[in-house]
């Protein structure tokens, strides 16, 4: 019984680390998307300014 509990505890710890890594990757992806969105807005503004000339 104790061995089964220990195995379950190990599995839960592994899954917790996997979940933490997934959250980290999601945050990293969101940051990258935000940065690309900012770049796109800058280029759109430059494009509009060039068209206005």
N, C-alpha and C. Protein backbone atom coordinates (compact mmCIF):
# COMPACT_ATOMS: atom_id res chain seq x y z
N UNK A 1 0.83 -1.20 0.00
CA UNK A 1 0.00 0.00 0.00
C UNK A 1 0.87 1.26 0.00
N UNK A 2 1.89 1.30 0.83
CA UNK A 2 2.76 2.48 0.91
C UNK A 2 3.49 2.69 -0.41
N UNK A 3 3.92 1.59 -1.04
CA UNK A 3 4.62 1.71 -2.32
C UNK A 3 3.70 2.32 -3.38
N UNK A 4 2.43 1.92 -3.38
CA UNK A 4 1.47 2.48 -4.33
C UNK A 4 1.27 3.97 -4.10
N UNK A 5 1.20 4.35 -2.82
CA UNK A 5 1.06 5.78 -2.50
C UNK A 5 2.29 6.57 -2.93
N UNK A 6 3.46 5.99 -2.71
CA UNK A 6 4.69 6.65 -3.12
C UNK A 6 4.74 6.81 -4.65
N UNK A 7 4.31 5.77 -5.36
CA UNK A 7 4.29 5.84 -6.82
C UNK A 7 3.32 6.92 -7.30
N UNK A 8 2.15 6.99 -6.67
CA UNK A 8 1.18 8.03 -7.03
C UNK A 8 1.74 9.43 -6.74
N UNK A 9 2.45 9.55 -5.63
CA UNK A 9 3.06 10.83 -5.28
C UNK A 9 4.09 11.23 -6.33
N UNK A 10 4.89 10.26 -6.78
CA UNK A 10 5.89 10.53 -7.82
C UNK A 10 5.22 10.97 -9.13
N UNK A 11 4.16 10.25 -9.49
CA UNK A 11 3.43 10.59 -10.72
C UNK A 11 2.85 12.00 -10.60
N UNK A 12 2.30 12.32 -9.47
CA UNK A 12 1.72 13.66 -9.28
C UNK A 12 2.79 14.74 -9.35
N UNK A 13 3.97 14.47 -8.80
CA UNK A 13 5.06 15.44 -8.87
C UNK A 13 5.51 15.65 -10.32
N UNK A 14 5.57 14.56 -11.09
CA UNK A 14 5.94 14.68 -12.49
C UNK A 14 4.90 15.49 -13.24
N UNK A 15 3.63 15.21 -13.01
CA UNK A 15 2.57 15.94 -13.68
C UNK A 15 2.56 17.41 -13.28
N UNK A 16 2.88 17.68 -12.02
CA UNK A 16 2.96 19.08 -11.56
C UNK A 16 4.06 19.82 -12.32
N UNK A 17 5.22 19.17 -12.50
CA UNK A 17 6.31 19.79 -13.24
C UNK A 17 5.92 19.99 -14.71
N UNK A 18 5.22 19.02 -15.28
CA UNK A 18 4.76 19.16 -16.67
C UNK A 18 3.80 20.34 -16.80
N UNK A 19 2.91 20.49 -15.85
CA UNK A 19 1.96 21.60 -15.87
C UNK A 19 2.68 22.94 -15.71
N UNK A 20 3.66 22.99 -14.82
CA UNK A 20 4.44 24.22 -14.66
C UNK A 20 5.15 24.58 -15.95
N UNK A 21 5.69 23.57 -16.64
CA UNK A 21 6.38 23.82 -17.90
C UNK A 21 5.39 24.30 -18.96
N UNK A 22 4.21 23.75 -18.98
CA UNK A 22 3.18 24.18 -19.93
C UNK A 22 2.80 25.64 -19.68
N UNK A 23 2.64 26.02 -18.41
CA UNK A 23 2.33 27.42 -18.09
C UNK A 23 3.46 28.34 -18.52
N UNK A 24 4.70 27.90 -18.29
CA UNK A 24 5.86 28.69 -18.70
C UNK A 24 5.87 28.89 -20.21
N UNK A 25 5.66 27.80 -20.96
CA UNK A 25 5.65 27.89 -22.42
C UNK A 25 4.51 28.78 -22.92
N UNK A 26 3.37 28.69 -22.27
CA UNK A 26 2.23 29.53 -22.64
C UNK A 26 2.55 31.01 -22.40
N UNK A 27 3.14 31.32 -21.27
CA UNK A 27 3.53 32.71 -20.98
C UNK A 27 4.55 33.21 -21.99
N UNK A 28 5.51 32.35 -22.34
CA UNK A 28 6.52 32.72 -23.31
C UNK A 28 5.88 32.99 -24.68
N UNK A 29 4.95 32.16 -25.07
CA UNK A 29 4.25 32.34 -26.34
C UNK A 29 3.42 33.63 -26.33
N UNK A 30 2.73 33.90 -25.22
CA UNK A 30 1.93 35.13 -25.11
C UNK A 30 2.81 36.36 -25.20
N UNK A 31 3.98 36.31 -24.57
CA UNK A 31 4.92 37.43 -24.64
C UNK A 31 5.40 37.65 -26.06
N UNK A 32 5.72 36.56 -26.74
CA UNK A 32 6.18 36.65 -28.11
C UNK A 32 5.08 37.23 -29.01
N UNK A 33 3.85 36.81 -28.82
CA UNK A 33 2.74 37.36 -29.60
C UNK A 33 2.55 38.84 -29.34
N UNK A 34 2.65 39.24 -28.08
CA UNK A 34 2.52 40.65 -27.73
C UNK A 34 3.60 41.48 -28.42
N UNK A 35 4.85 40.98 -28.38
CA UNK A 35 5.95 41.70 -29.01
C UNK A 35 5.74 41.83 -30.51
N UNK A 36 5.27 40.76 -31.14
CA UNK A 36 5.02 40.81 -32.59
C UNK A 36 3.87 41.76 -32.90
N UNK A 37 2.87 41.81 -32.04
CA UNK A 37 1.75 42.73 -32.23
C UNK A 37 2.24 44.18 -32.17
N UNK A 38 3.12 44.47 -31.23
CA UNK A 38 3.68 45.82 -31.11
C UNK A 38 4.46 46.17 -32.37
N UNK A 39 5.29 45.23 -32.84
CA UNK A 39 6.05 45.47 -34.07
C UNK A 39 5.11 45.73 -35.25
N UNK A 40 4.08 44.94 -35.37
CA UNK A 40 3.13 45.09 -36.47
C UNK A 40 2.47 46.47 -36.43
N UNK A 41 2.10 46.93 -35.25
CA UNK A 41 1.47 48.24 -35.14
C UNK A 41 2.44 49.36 -35.54
N UNK A 42 3.70 49.20 -35.20
CA UNK A 42 4.71 50.20 -35.59
C UNK A 42 4.82 50.23 -37.11
N UNK A 43 4.90 49.05 -37.72
CA UNK A 43 5.02 49.01 -39.18
C UNK A 43 3.76 49.51 -39.87
N UNK A 44 2.61 49.24 -39.29
CA UNK A 44 1.37 49.78 -39.87
C UNK A 44 1.36 51.29 -39.82
N UNK A 45 1.83 51.85 -38.71
CA UNK A 45 1.88 53.31 -38.59
C UNK A 45 2.85 53.90 -39.61
N UNK A 46 4.01 53.28 -39.76
CA UNK A 46 4.99 53.76 -40.75
C UNK A 46 4.39 53.67 -42.14
N UNK A 47 3.74 52.57 -42.43
CA UNK A 47 3.11 52.38 -43.75
C UNK A 47 2.08 53.46 -44.02
N UNK A 48 1.24 53.74 -43.04
CA UNK A 48 0.22 54.79 -43.21
C UNK A 48 0.85 56.15 -43.43
N UNK A 49 1.94 56.43 -42.72
CA UNK A 49 2.63 57.71 -42.88
C UNK A 49 3.24 57.84 -44.27
N UNK A 50 3.79 56.74 -44.77
CA UNK A 50 4.38 56.77 -46.11
C UNK A 50 3.31 56.91 -47.18
N UNK A 51 2.16 56.30 -46.98
CA UNK A 51 1.07 56.44 -47.94
C UNK A 51 0.54 57.86 -47.98
N UNK A 52 0.61 58.55 -46.85
CA UNK A 52 0.05 59.90 -46.75
C UNK A 52 0.91 60.92 -47.49
N UNK A 53 2.13 60.57 -47.80
CA UNK A 53 3.04 61.53 -48.47
C UNK A 53 2.72 61.70 -49.91
